[in-house]
Amino acid sequence: MAHYAFLDQNNIVTEVIVGKNENEEGINWEQQYSLFRGQVCKRTSYNTYGGIHNKGGIPFRKNFAGIGYSYDETRDAFIAPKPFNSWILNETTCLWNAPVAYPNDNNIYTWNESTLTWDIV
């Protein structure tokens, strides 16, 4: 079982489906789904996050696609929407990072965009 993301004309994910495994039945399913829907289709891996495959396999397109994610052709990666204007894209993981590291003190924090700090909850 494989997952596939459909992209709009701006490379934004509009839908993610479960489909056939890549090359199952000798068919390129990414291409087949694209032709069937008339929409660009890219395979995505449910087990890939931040460029790491959580089951020890080969990571695929940096992150599992979600609706609203963008597909970056240059990086061959799915990237979540930017959560805050100040956050910076990690080029290796294609995940967004706050400009200040999350505190490591067992408290729960929320990001405060106006002060660019983590506020304790």
PDB file of N, CA and C in Angstrom:
ATOM      1  N   MET A   1       0.844  -1.168   0.000  1.00  0.00           N
ATOM      2  CA  MET A   1       0.000   0.000   0.000  1.00  0.00           C
ATOM      3  C   MET A   1       0.892   1.235   0.000  1.00  0.00           C
ATOM      4  N   ALA A   2       0.613   2.162  -0.874  1.00  0.00           N
ATOM      5  CA  ALA A   2       1.373   3.397  -0.993  1.00  0.00           C
ATOM      6  C   ALA A   2       0.414   4.580  -0.914  1.00  0.00           C
ATOM      7  N   HIS A   3       0.969   5.742  -0.625  1.00  0.00           N
ATOM      8  CA  HIS A   3       0.166   6.967  -0.555  1.00  0.00           C
ATOM      9  C   HIS A   3       0.613   7.911  -1.668  1.00  0.00           C
ATOM     10  N   TYR A   4      -0.345   8.648  -2.180  1.00  0.00           N
ATOM     11  CA  TYR A   4      -0.080   9.582  -3.274  1.00  0.00           C
ATOM     12  C   TYR A   4      -0.750  10.909  -2.983  1.00  0.00           C
ATOM     13  N   ALA A   5      -0.055  12.001  -3.326  1.00  0.00           N
ATOM     14  CA  ALA A   5      -0.574  13.351  -3.126  1.00  0.00           C
ATOM     15  C   ALA A   5      -0.870  13.979  -4.480  1.00  0.00           C
ATOM     16  N   PHE A   6      -2.043  14.590  -4.588  1.00  0.00           N
ATOM     17  CA  PHE A   6      -2.413  15.323  -5.795  1.00  0.00           C
ATOM     18  C   PHE A   6      -2.136  16.801  -5.562  1.00  0.00           C
ATOM     19  N   LEU A   7      -1.548  17.446  -6.589  1.00  0.00           N
ATOM     20  CA  LEU A   7      -1.126  18.839  -6.489  1.00  0.00           C
ATOM     21  C   LEU A   7      -1.937  19.737  -7.408  1.00  0.00           C
ATOM     22  N   ASP A   8      -2.185  20.958  -6.955  1.00  0.00           N
ATOM     23  CA  ASP A   8      -2.832  21.924  -7.840  1.00  0.00           C
ATOM     24  C   ASP A   8      -1.767  22.607  -8.700  1.00  0.00           C
ATOM     25  N   GLN A   9      -2.143  23.614  -9.455  1.00  0.00           N
ATOM     26  CA  GLN A   9      -1.218  24.279 -10.378  1.00  0.00           C
ATOM     27  C   GLN A   9      -0.100  25.030  -9.653  1.00  0.00           C
ATOM     28  N   ASN A  10      -0.245  25.258  -8.332  1.00  0.00           N
ATOM     29  CA  ASN A  10       0.783  25.933  -7.546  1.00  0.00           C
ATOM     30  C   ASN A  10       1.604  24.962  -6.694  1.00  0.00           C
ATOM     31  N   ASN A  11       1.478  23.658  -6.994  1.00  0.00           N
ATOM     32  CA  ASN A  11       2.170  22.596  -6.252  1.00  0.00           C
ATOM     33  C   ASN A  11       1.733  22.501  -4.792  1.00  0.00           C
ATOM     34  N   ILE A  12       0.469  22.822  -4.537  1.00  0.00           N
ATOM     35  CA  ILE A  12      -0.114  22.675  -3.201  1.00  0.00           C
ATOM     36  C   ILE A  12      -0.919  21.385  -3.188  1.00  0.00           C
ATOM     37  N   VAL A  13      -0.747  20.595  -2.122  1.00  0.00           N
ATOM     38  CA  VAL A  13      -1.448  19.319  -1.998  1.00  0.00           C
ATOM     39  C   VAL A  13      -2.938  19.566  -1.755  1.00  0.00           C
ATOM     40  N   THR A  14      -3.762  18.951  -2.618  1.00  0.00           N
ATOM     41  CA  THR A  14      -5.218  19.085  -2.487  1.00  0.00           C
ATOM     42  C   THR A  14      -5.864  17.827  -1.935  1.00  0.00           C
ATOM     43  N   GLU A  15      -5.166  16.690  -2.057  1.00  0.00           N
ATOM     44  CA  GLU A  15      -5.714  15.426  -1.584  1.00  0.00           C
ATOM     45  C   GLU A  15      -4.584  14.401  -1.468  1.00  0.00           C
ATOM     46  N   VAL A  16      -4.720  13.499  -0.490  1.00  0.00           N
ATOM     47  CA  VAL A  16      -3.791  12.388  -0.339  1.00  0.00           C
ATOM     48  C   VAL A  16      -4.629  11.111  -0.326  1.00  0.00           C
ATOM     49  N   ILE A  17      -4.220  10.131  -1.148  1.00  0.00           N
ATOM     50  CA  ILE A  17      -4.974   8.884  -1.242  1.00  0.00           C
ATOM     51  C   ILE A  17      -4.063   7.683  -0.965  1.00  0.00           C
ATOM     52  N   VAL A  18      -4.692   6.564  -0.666  1.00  0.00           N
ATOM     53  CA  VAL A  18      -3.987   5.290  -0.591  1.00  0.00           C
ATOM     54  C   VAL A  18      -4.128   4.641  -1.956  1.00  0.00           C
ATOM     55  N   GLY A  19      -3.028   4.148  -2.498  1.00  0.00           N
ATOM     56  CA  GLY A  19      -3.069   3.557  -3.833  1.00  0.00           C
ATOM     57  C   GLY A  19      -2.190   2.325  -3.923  1.00  0.00           C
ATOM     58  N   LYS A  20      -1.926   1.940  -5.132  1.00  0.00           N
ATOM     59  CA  LYS A  20      -1.104   0.758  -5.420  1.00  0.00           C
ATOM     60  C   LYS A  20       0.359   1.047  -5.126  1.00  0.00           C
ATOM     61  N   ASN A  21       1.093  -0.010  -4.766  1.00  0.00           N
ATOM     62  CA  ASN A  21       2.530   0.130  -4.557  1.00  0.00           C
ATOM     63  C   ASN A  21       3.210   0.513  -5.862  1.00  0.00           C
ATOM     64  N   GLU A  22       4.266   1.287  -5.738  1.00  0.00           N
ATOM     65  CA  GLU A  22       5.017   1.737  -6.896  1.00  0.00           C
ATOM     66  C   GLU A  22       5.419   0.544  -7.761  1.00  0.00           C
ATOM     67  N   ASN A  23       5.179   0.645  -9.042  1.00  0.00           N
ATOM     68  CA  ASN A  23       5.487  -0.372 -10.051  1.00  0.00           C
ATOM     69  C   ASN A  23       4.731  -1.693  -9.860  1.00  0.00           C
ATOM     70  N   GLU A  24       3.716  -1.712  -8.997  1.00  0.00           N
ATOM     71  CA  GLU A  24       2.873  -2.903  -8.880  1.00  0.00           C
ATOM     72  C   GLU A  24       2.201  -3.138 -10.232  1.00  0.00           C
ATOM     73  N   GLU A  25       2.180  -4.351 -10.654  1.00  0.00           N
ATOM     74  CA  GLU A  25       1.621  -4.734 -11.954  1.00  0.00           C
ATOM     75  C   GLU A  25       2.417  -4.118 -13.106  1.00  0.00           C
ATOM     76  N   GLY A  26       3.664  -3.704 -12.824  1.00  0.00           N
ATOM     77  CA  GLY A  26       4.515  -3.125 -13.856  1.00  0.00           C
ATOM     78  C   GLY A  26       4.079  -1.738 -14.302  1.00  0.00           C
ATOM     79  N   ILE A  27       3.278  -1.074 -13.484  1.00  0.00           N
ATOM     80  CA  ILE A  27       2.740   0.247 -13.840  1.00  0.00           C
ATOM     81  C   ILE A  27       3.358   1.317 -12.959  1.00  0.00           C
ATOM     82  N   ASN A  28       3.683   2.450 -13.556  1.00  0.00           N
ATOM     83  CA  ASN A  28       4.127   3.619 -12.801  1.00  0.00           C
ATOM     84  C   ASN A  28       2.851   4.299 -12.296  1.00  0.00           C
ATOM     85  N   TRP A  29       2.482   4.024 -11.047  1.00  0.00           N
ATOM     86  CA  TRP A  29       1.201   4.502 -10.514  1.00  0.00           C
ATOM     87  C   TRP A  29       1.179   6.004 -10.326  1.00  0.00           C
ATOM     88  N   GLU A  30       2.288   6.615 -10.040  1.00  0.00           N
ATOM     89  CA  GLU A  30       2.335   8.074  -9.936  1.00  0.00           C
ATOM     90  C   GLU A  30       1.877   8.686 -11.261  1.00  0.00           C
ATOM     91  N   GLN A  31       2.415   8.172 -12.348  1.00  0.00           N
ATOM     92  CA  GLN A  31       2.045   8.655 -13.677  1.00  0.00           C
ATOM     93  C   GLN A  31       0.598   8.270 -14.010  1.00  0.00           C
ATOM     94  N   GLN A  32       0.212   7.048 -13.680  1.00  0.00           N
ATOM     95  CA  GLN A  32      -1.146   6.579 -13.985  1.00  0.00           C
ATOM     96  C   GLN A  32      -2.206   7.423 -13.280  1.00  0.00           C
ATOM     97  N   TYR A  33      -1.999   7.696 -11.982  1.00  0.00           N
ATOM     98  CA  TYR A  33      -2.962   8.523 -11.242  1.00  0.00           C
ATOM     99  C   TYR A  33      -2.990   9.950 -11.781  1.00  0.00           C
ATOM    100  N   SER A  34      -1.836  10.459 -12.204  1.00  0.00           N
ATOM    101  CA  SER A  34      -1.790  11.800 -12.796  1.00  0.00           C
ATOM    102  C   SER A  34      -2.629  11.864 -14.067  1.00  0.00           C
ATOM    103  N   LEU A  35      -2.464  10.865 -14.924  1.00  0.00           N
ATOM    104  CA  LEU A  35      -3.229  10.839 -16.180  1.00  0.00           C
ATOM    105  C   LEU A  35      -4.722  10.678 -15.918  1.00  0.00           C
ATOM    106  N   PHE A  36      -5.070   9.810 -14.982  1.00  0.00           N
ATOM    107  CA  PHE A  36      -6.475   9.539 -14.674  1.00  0.00           C
ATOM    108  C   PHE A  36      -7.182  10.778 -14.139  1.00  0.00           C
ATOM    109  N   ARG A  37      -6.505  11.509 -13.254  1.00  0.00           N
ATOM    110  CA  ARG A  37      -7.122  12.673 -12.617  1.00  0.00           C
ATOM    111  C   ARG A  37      -6.873  13.975 -13.368  1.00  0.00           C
ATOM    112  N   GLY A  38      -5.901  13.982 -14.269  1.00  0.00           N
ATOM    113  CA  GLY A  38      -5.548  15.229 -14.940  1.00  0.00           C
ATOM    114  C   GLY A  38      -4.924  16.220 -13.968  1.00  0.00           C
ATOM    115  N   GLN A  39      -4.230  15.679 -12.978  1.00  0.00           N
ATOM    116  CA  GLN A  39      -3.630  16.490 -11.926  1.00  0.00           C
ATOM    117  C   GLN A  39      -2.283  15.859 -11.573  1.00  0.00           C
ATOM    118  N   VAL A  40      -1.279  16.671 -11.304  1.00  0.00           N
ATOM    119  CA  VAL A  40       0.027  16.134 -10.927  1.00  0.00           C
ATOM    120  C   VAL A  40      -0.123  15.300  -9.661  1.00  0.00           C
ATOM    121  N   CYS A  41       0.521  14.132  -9.665  1.00  0.00           N
ATOM    122  CA  CYS A  41       0.460  13.210  -8.542  1.00  0.00           C
ATOM    123  C   CYS A  41       1.882  12.827  -8.142  1.00  0.00           C
ATOM    124  N   LYS A  42       2.160  12.866  -6.850  1.00  0.00           N
ATOM    125  CA  LYS A  42       3.483  12.508  -6.328  1.00  0.00           C
ATOM    126  C   LYS A  42       3.301  11.506  -5.198  1.00  0.00           C
ATOM    127  N   ARG A  43       4.126  10.487  -5.199  1.00  0.00           N
ATOM    128  CA  ARG A  43       4.084   9.511  -4.116  1.00  0.00           C
ATOM    129  C   ARG A  43       4.626  10.162  -2.848  1.00  0.00           C
ATOM    130  N   THR A  44       4.073   9.757  -1.718  1.00  0.00           N
ATOM    131  CA  THR A  44       4.510  10.264  -0.424  1.00  0.00           C
ATOM    132  C   THR A  44       4.612   9.093   0.540  1.00  0.00           C
ATOM    133  N   SER A  45       5.455   9.198   1.535  1.00  0.00           N
ATOM    134  CA  SER A  45       5.673   8.099   2.472  1.00  0.00           C
ATOM    135  C   SER A  45       5.121   8.434   3.846  1.00  0.00           C
ATOM    136  N   TYR A  46       4.174   7.625   4.289  1.00  0.00           N
ATOM    137  CA  TYR A  46       3.564   7.779   5.610  1.00  0.00           C
ATOM    138  C   TYR A  46       4.604   7.660   6.723  1.00  0.00           C
ATOM    139  N   ASN A  47       5.682   6.965   6.467  1.00  0.00           N
ATOM    140  CA  ASN A  47       6.711   6.708   7.478  1.00  0.00           C
ATOM    141  C   ASN A  47       7.887   7.683   7.438  1.00  0.00           C
ATOM    142  N   THR A  48       7.793   8.734   6.633  1.00  0.00           N
ATOM    143  CA  THR A  48       8.898   9.682   6.524  1.00  0.00           C
ATOM    144  C   THR A  48       8.525  11.010   7.171  1.00  0.00           C
ATOM    145  N   TYR A  49       9.431  11.475   8.054  1.00  0.00           N
ATOM    146  CA  TYR A  49       9.250  12.767   8.717  1.00  0.00           C
ATOM    147  C   TYR A  49      10.626  13.382   8.928  1.00  0.00           C
ATOM    148  N   GLY A  50      10.800  14.598   8.454  1.00  0.00           N
ATOM    149  CA  GLY A  50      12.074  15.286   8.630  1.00  0.00           C
ATOM    150  C   GLY A  50      13.233  14.611   7.927  1.00  0.00           C
ATOM    151  N   GLY A  51      12.922  13.893   6.859  1.00  0.00           N
ATOM    152  CA  GLY A  51      13.961  13.222   6.092  1.00  0.00           C
ATOM    153  C   GLY A  51      14.415  11.901   6.698  1.00  0.00           C
ATOM    154  N   ILE A  52      13.671  11.404   7.683  1.00  0.00           N
ATOM    155  CA  ILE A  52      14.008  10.133   8.323  1.00  0.00           C
ATOM    156  C   ILE A  52      12.822   9.181   8.200  1.00  0.00           C
ATOM    157  N   HIS A  53      13.118   7.956   7.792  1.00  0.00           N
ATOM    158  CA  HIS A  53      12.085   6.918   7.712  1.00  0.00           C
ATOM    159  C   HIS A  53      12.011   6.254   9.081  1.00  0.00           C
ATOM    160  N   ASN A  54      10.847   6.333   9.748  1.00  0.00           N
ATOM    161  CA  ASN A  54      10.750   5.869  11.133  1.00  0.00           C
ATOM    162  C   ASN A  54      10.790   4.352  11.300  1.00  0.00           C
ATOM    163  N   LYS A  55      10.823   3.612  10.199  1.00  0.00           N
ATOM    164  CA  LYS A  55      10.947   2.158  10.290  1.00  0.00           C
ATOM    165  C   LYS A  55      12.290   1.683   9.750  1.00  0.00           C
ATOM    166  N   GLY A  56      13.216   2.622   9.586  1.00  0.00           N
ATOM    167  CA  GLY A  56      14.552   2.279   9.132  1.00  0.00           C
ATOM    168  C   GLY A  56      14.699   2.155   7.626  1.00  0.00           C
ATOM    169  N   GLY A  57      13.645   2.440   6.897  1.00  0.00           N
ATOM    170  CA  GLY A  57      13.712   2.363   5.444  1.00  0.00           C
ATOM    171  C   GLY A  57      14.330   3.619   4.844  1.00  0.00           C
ATOM    172  N   ILE A  58      14.203   3.730   3.552  1.00  0.00           N
ATOM    173  CA  ILE A  58      14.724   4.893   2.837  1.00  0.00           C
ATOM    174  C   ILE A  58      13.707   6.027   2.927  1.00  0.00           C
ATOM    175  N   PRO A  59      14.104   7.204   3.423  1.00  0.00           N
ATOM    176  CA  PRO A  59      13.168   8.329   3.514  1.00  0.00           C
ATOM    177  C   PRO A  59      12.729   8.779   2.123  1.00  0.00           C
ATOM    178  N   PHE A  60      11.496   9.238   2.025  1.00  0.00           N
ATOM    179  CA  PHE A  60      10.918   9.578   0.732  1.00  0.00           C
ATOM    180  C   PHE A  60      10.301  10.967   0.770  1.00  0.00           C
ATOM    181  N   ARG A  61      10.840  11.878   0.015  1.00  0.00           N
ATOM    182  CA  ARG A  61      10.345  13.245  -0.140  1.00  0.00           C
ATOM    183  C   ARG A  61      10.224  14.002   1.180  1.00  0.00           C
ATOM    184  N   LYS A  62      11.172  13.757   2.070  1.00  0.00           N
ATOM    185  CA  LYS A  62      11.372  14.476   3.337  1.00  0.00           C
ATOM    186  C   LYS A  62      10.250  14.343   4.358  1.00  0.00           C
ATOM    187  N   ASN A  63       8.972  14.499   3.940  1.00  0.00           N
ATOM    188  CA  ASN A  63       7.847  14.475   4.867  1.00  0.00           C
ATOM    189  C   ASN A  63       6.615  13.885   4.190  1.00  0.00           C
ATOM    190  N   PHE A  64       5.774  13.252   4.996  1.00  0.00           N
ATOM    191  CA  PHE A  64       4.494  12.764   4.485  1.00  0.00           C
ATOM    192  C   PHE A  64       3.650  13.977   4.113  1.00  0.00           C
ATOM    193  N   ALA A  65       3.056  13.949   2.944  1.00  0.00           N
ATOM    194  CA  ALA A  65       2.259  15.077   2.461  1.00  0.00           C
ATOM    195  C   ALA A  65       0.954  15.197   3.235  1.00  0.00           C
ATOM    196  N   GLY A  66       0.490  16.409   3.367  1.00  0.00           N
ATOM    197  CA  GLY A  66      -0.812  16.685   3.956  1.00  0.00           C
ATOM    198  C   GLY A  66      -1.509  17.744   3.125  1.00  0.00           C
ATOM    199  N   ILE A  67      -2.809  17.813   3.226  1.00  0.00           N
ATOM    200  CA  ILE A  67      -3.546  18.836   2.489  1.00  0.00           C
ATOM    201  C   ILE A  67      -3.028  20.213   2.910  1.00  0.00           C
ATOM    202  N   GLY A  68      -2.722  21.048   1.930  1.00  0.00           N
ATOM    203  CA  GLY A  68      -2.183  22.381   2.187  1.00  0.00           C
ATOM    204  C   GLY A  68      -0.665  22.437   2.170  1.00  0.00           C
ATOM    205  N   TYR A  69      -0.005  21.285   2.202  1.00  0.00           N
ATOM    206  CA  TYR A  69       1.450  21.266   2.095  1.00  0.00           C
ATOM    207  C   TYR A  69       1.839  21.676   0.675  1.00  0.00           C
ATOM    208  N   SER A  70       3.061  22.157   0.533  1.00  0.00           N
ATOM    209  CA  SER A  70       3.561  22.458  -0.806  1.00  0.00           C
ATOM    210  C   SER A  70       4.575  21.385  -1.193  1.00  0.00           C
ATOM    211  N   TYR A  71       4.674  21.166  -2.495  1.00  0.00           N
ATOM    212  CA  TYR A  71       5.686  20.263  -3.014  1.00  0.00           C
ATOM    213  C   TYR A  71       6.763  21.122  -3.653  1.00  0.00           C
ATOM    214  N   ASP A  72       7.995  20.984  -3.185  1.00  0.00           N
ATOM    215  CA  ASP A  72       9.126  21.732  -3.709  1.00  0.00           C
ATOM    216  C   ASP A  72       9.884  20.826  -4.671  1.00  0.00           C
ATOM    217  N   GLU A  73       9.828  21.155  -5.949  1.00  0.00           N
ATOM    218  CA  GLU A  73      10.467  20.325  -6.974  1.00  0.00           C
ATOM    219  C   GLU A  73      11.981  20.276  -6.811  1.00  0.00           C
ATOM    220  N   THR A  74      12.602  21.409  -6.469  1.00  0.00           N
ATOM    221  CA  THR A  74      14.055  21.464  -6.327  1.00  0.00           C
ATOM    222  C   THR A  74      14.535  20.540  -5.216  1.00  0.00           C
ATOM    223  N   ARG A  75      13.843  20.557  -4.097  1.00  0.00           N
ATOM    224  CA  ARG A  75      14.221  19.718  -2.949  1.00  0.00           C
ATOM    225  C   ARG A  75      13.596  18.324  -3.028  1.00  0.00           C
ATOM    226  N   ASP A  76      12.660  18.131  -3.952  1.00  0.00           N
ATOM    227  CA  ASP A  76      11.860  16.908  -4.040  1.00  0.00           C
ATOM    228  C   ASP A  76      11.301  16.581  -2.657  1.00  0.00           C
ATOM    229  N   ALA A  77      10.589  17.583  -2.099  1.00  0.00           N
ATOM    230  CA  ALA A  77      10.131  17.476  -0.712  1.00  0.00           C
ATOM    231  C   ALA A  77       8.746  18.081  -0.533  1.00  0.00           C
ATOM    232  N   PHE A  78       8.004  17.490   0.397  1.00  0.00           N
ATOM    233  CA  PHE A  78       6.742  18.078   0.846  1.00  0.00           C
ATOM    234  C   PHE A  78       7.044  18.926   2.076  1.00  0.00           C
ATOM    235  N   ILE A  79       6.498  20.143   2.086  1.00  0.00           N
ATOM    236  CA  ILE A  79       6.765  21.093   3.163  1.00  0.00           C
ATOM    237  C   ILE A  79       5.439  21.599   3.706  1.00  0.00           C
ATOM    238  N   ALA A  80       5.283  21.522   5.025  1.00  0.00           N
ATOM    239  CA  ALA A  80       4.070  22.009   5.684  1.00  0.00           C
ATOM    240  C   ALA A  80       3.955  23.518   5.515  1.00  0.00           C
ATOM    241  N   PRO A  81       2.741  24.066   5.639  1.00  0.00           N
ATOM    242  CA  PRO A  81       2.606  25.526   5.608  1.00  0.00           C
ATOM    243  C   PRO A  81       3.427  26.158   6.735  1.00  0.00           C
ATOM    244  N   LYS A  82       3.974  27.309   6.470  1.00  0.00           N
ATOM    245  CA  LYS A  82       4.788  28.018   7.457  1.00  0.00           C
ATOM    246  C   LYS A  82       3.893  28.423   8.631  1.00  0.00           C
ATOM    247  N   PRO A  83       4.227  27.994   9.859  1.00  0.00           N
ATOM    248  CA  PRO A  83       3.339  28.268  10.986  1.00  0.00           C
ATOM    249  C   PRO A  83       3.370  29.722  11.462  1.00  0.00           C
ATOM    250  N   PHE A  84       4.518  30.375  11.354  1.00  0.00           N
ATOM    251  CA  PHE A  84       4.677  31.764  11.773  1.00  0.00           C
ATOM    252  C   PHE A  84       5.669  32.433  10.833  1.00  0.00           C
ATOM    253  N   ASN A  85       5.515  33.741  10.635  1.00  0.00           N
ATOM    254  CA  ASN A  85       6.401  34.477   9.727  1.00  0.00           C
ATOM    255  C   ASN A  85       7.864  34.398  10.127  1.00  0.00           C
ATOM    256  N   SER A  86       8.144  34.310  11.414  1.00  0.00           N
ATOM    257  CA  SER A  86       9.532  34.327  11.883  1.00  0.00           C
ATOM    258  C   SER A  86      10.237  32.978  11.755  1.00  0.00           C
ATOM    259  N   TRP A  87       9.490  31.916  11.524  1.00  0.00           N
ATOM    260  CA  TRP A  87      10.098  30.588  11.513  1.00  0.00           C
ATOM    261  C   TRP A  87      10.920  30.371  10.252  1.00  0.00           C
ATOM    262  N   ILE A  88      11.928  29.527  10.369  1.00  0.00           N
ATOM    263  CA  ILE A  88      12.921  29.318   9.313  1.00  0.00           C
ATOM    264  C   ILE A  88      12.880  27.856   8.854  1.00  0.00           C
ATOM    265  N   LEU A  89      12.931  27.670   7.549  1.00  0.00           N
ATOM    266  CA  LEU A  89      12.920  26.318   7.005  1.00  0.00           C
ATOM    267  C   LEU A  89      14.286  25.663   7.177  1.00  0.00           C
ATOM    268  N   ASN A  90      14.289  24.485   7.784  1.00  0.00           N
ATOM    269  CA  ASN A  90      15.506  23.686   7.892  1.00  0.00           C
ATOM    270  C   ASN A  90      15.695  23.000   6.546  1.00  0.00           C
ATOM    271  N   GLU A  91      16.760  23.326   5.850  1.00  0.00           N
ATOM    272  CA  GLU A  91      16.992  22.814   4.498  1.00  0.00           C
ATOM    273  C   GLU A  91      17.207  21.305   4.465  1.00  0.00           C
ATOM    274  N   THR A  92      17.678  20.727   5.556  1.00  0.00           N
ATOM    275  CA  THR A  92      17.937  19.295   5.601  1.00  0.00           C
ATOM    276  C   THR A  92      16.664  18.494   5.837  1.00  0.00           C
ATOM    277  N   THR A  93      15.851  18.940   6.794  1.00  0.00           N
ATOM    278  CA  THR A  93      14.642  18.195   7.166  1.00  0.00           C
ATOM    279  C   THR A  93      13.390  18.683   6.452  1.00  0.00           C
ATOM    280  N   CYS A  94      13.438  19.900   5.927  1.00  0.00           N
ATOM    281  CA  CYS A  94      12.276  20.573   5.337  1.00  0.00           C
ATOM    282  C   CYS A  94      11.152  20.719   6.362  1.00  0.00           C
ATOM    283  N   LEU A  95      11.547  20.961   7.611  1.00  0.00           N
ATOM    284  CA  LEU A  95      10.615  21.285   8.697  1.00  0.00           C
ATOM    285  C   LEU A  95      10.875  22.725   9.115  1.00  0.00           C
ATOM    286  N   TRP A  96       9.845  23.374   9.669  1.00  0.00           N
ATOM    287  CA  TRP A  96       9.977  24.753  10.124  1.00  0.00           C
ATOM    288  C   TRP A  96      10.495  24.779  11.555  1.00  0.00           C
ATOM    289  N   ASN A  97      11.459  25.656  11.820  1.00  0.00           N
ATOM    290  CA  ASN A  97      12.019  25.831  13.158  1.00  0.00           C
ATOM    291  C   ASN A  97      11.806  27.258  13.630  1.00  0.00           C
ATOM    292  N   ALA A  98      11.489  27.390  14.914  1.00  0.00           N
ATOM    293  CA  ALA A  98      11.390  28.719  15.516  1.00  0.00           C
ATOM    294  C   ALA A  98      12.782  29.343  15.560  1.00  0.00           C
ATOM    295  N   PRO A  99      12.864  30.668  15.555  1.00  0.00           N
ATOM    296  CA  PRO A  99      14.178  31.318  15.620  1.00  0.00           C
ATOM    297  C   PRO A  99      14.843  31.166  16.989  1.00  0.00           C
ATOM    298  N   VAL A 100      14.071  30.691  17.973  1.00  0.00           N
ATOM    299  CA  VAL A 100      14.578  30.437  19.323  1.00  0.00           C
ATOM    300  C   VAL A 100      14.241  28.992  19.657  1.00  0.00           C
ATOM    301  N   ALA A 101      15.205  28.254  20.154  1.00  0.00           N
ATOM    302  CA  ALA A 101      14.987  26.839  20.468  1.00  0.00           C
ATOM    303  C   ALA A 101      13.916  26.664  21.548  1.00  0.00           C
ATOM    304  N   TYR A 102      13.156  25.596  21.418  1.00  0.00           N
ATOM    305  CA  TYR A 102      12.137  25.254  22.409  1.00  0.00           C
ATOM    306  C   TYR A 102      12.840  24.909  23.720  1.00  0.00           C
ATOM    307  N   PRO A 103      12.390  25.483  24.846  1.00  0.00           N
ATOM    308  CA  PRO A 103      13.042  25.196  26.134  1.00  0.00           C
ATOM    309  C   PRO A 103      12.986  23.716  26.494  1.00  0.00           C
ATOM    310  N   ASN A 104      14.044  23.229  27.088  1.00  0.00           N
ATOM    311  CA  ASN A 104      14.138  21.822  27.469  1.00  0.00           C
ATOM    312  C   ASN A 104      14.082  21.706  28.990  1.00  0.00           C
ATOM    313  N   ASP A 105      12.899  22.009  29.564  1.00  0.00           N
ATOM    314  CA  ASP A 105      12.784  22.005  31.022  1.00  0.00           C
ATOM    315  C   ASP A 105      11.508  21.319  31.528  1.00  0.00           C
ATOM    316  N   ASN A 106      10.907  20.492  30.689  1.00  0.00           N
ATOM    317  CA  ASN A 106       9.705  19.716  31.029  1.00  0.00           C
ATOM    318  C   ASN A 106       8.437  20.546  31.179  1.00  0.00           C
ATOM    319  N   ASN A 107       8.475  21.840  30.878  1.00  0.00           N
ATOM    320  CA  ASN A 107       7.261  22.655  30.858  1.00  0.00           C
ATOM    321  C   ASN A 107       6.671  22.637  29.452  1.00  0.00           C
ATOM    322  N   ILE A 108       5.454  23.087  29.330  1.00  0.00           N
ATOM    323  CA  ILE A 108       4.801  23.182  28.028  1.00  0.00           C
ATOM    324  C   ILE A 108       4.749  24.652  27.639  1.00  0.00           C
ATOM    325  N   TYR A 109       5.132  24.910  26.387  1.00  0.00           N
ATOM    326  CA  TYR A 109       5.210  26.282  25.898  1.00  0.00           C
ATOM    327  C   TYR A 109       4.406  26.442  24.617  1.00  0.00           C
ATOM    328  N   THR A 110       4.054  27.682  24.346  1.00  0.00           N
ATOM    329  CA  THR A 110       3.443  28.048  23.072  1.00  0.00           C
ATOM    330  C   THR A 110       4.246  29.208  22.494  1.00  0.00           C
ATOM    331  N   TRP A 111       4.315  29.251  21.170  1.00  0.00           N
ATOM    332  CA  TRP A 111       5.117  30.286  20.513  1.00  0.00           C
ATOM    333  C   TRP A 111       4.373  31.614  20.523  1.00  0.00           C
ATOM    334  N   ASN A 112       5.074  32.692  20.868  1.00  0.00           N
ATOM    335  CA  ASN A 112       4.529  34.040  20.861  1.00  0.00           C
ATOM    336  C   ASN A 112       5.213  34.797  19.725  1.00  0.00           C
ATOM    337  N   GLU A 113       4.495  34.976  18.636  1.00  0.00           N
ATOM    338  CA  GLU A 113       5.082  35.607  17.450  1.00  0.00           C
ATOM    339  C   GLU A 113       5.388  37.082  17.670  1.00  0.00           C
ATOM    340  N   SER A 114       4.619  37.770  18.525  1.00  0.00           N
ATOM    341  CA  SER A 114       4.846  39.206  18.714  1.00  0.00           C
ATOM    342  C   SER A 114       6.120  39.494  19.513  1.00  0.00           C
ATOM    343  N   THR A 115       6.498  38.582  20.410  1.00  0.00           N
ATOM    344  CA  THR A 115       7.725  38.786  21.196  1.00  0.00           C
ATOM    345  C   THR A 115       8.862  37.866  20.761  1.00  0.00           C
ATOM    346  N   LEU A 116       8.557  36.928  19.843  1.00  0.00           N
ATOM    347  CA  LEU A 116       9.527  35.939  19.363  1.00  0.00           C
ATOM    348  C   LEU A 116      10.136  35.135  20.519  1.00  0.00           C
ATOM    349  N   THR A 117       9.247  34.708  21.410  1.00  0.00           N
ATOM    350  CA  THR A 117       9.664  33.910  22.563  1.00  0.00           C
ATOM    351  C   THR A 117       8.669  32.767  22.779  1.00  0.00           C
ATOM    352  N   TRP A 118       9.110  31.790  23.564  1.00  0.00           N
ATOM    353  CA  TRP A 118       8.233  30.709  23.999  1.00  0.00           C
ATOM    354  C   TRP A 118       7.606  31.121  25.320  1.00  0.00           C
ATOM    355  N   ASP A 119       6.285  31.108  25.392  1.00  0.00           N
ATOM    356  CA  ASP A 119       5.568  31.443  26.615  1.00  0.00           C
ATOM    357  C   ASP A 119       5.088  30.179  27.288  1.00  0.00           C
ATOM    358  N   ILE A 120       5.304  30.077  28.588  1.00  0.00           N
ATOM    359  CA  ILE A 120       4.874  28.899  29.327  1.00  0.00           C
ATOM    360  C   ILE A 120       3.346  28.856  29.372  1.00  0.00           C
ATOM    361  N   VAL A 121       2.804  27.676  29.239  1.00  0.00           N
ATOM    362  CA  VAL A 121       1.339  27.495  29.241  1.00  0.00           C
ATOM    363  C   VAL A 121       0.880  27.323  30.662  1.00  0.00           C
TER     364      VAL A 121
END
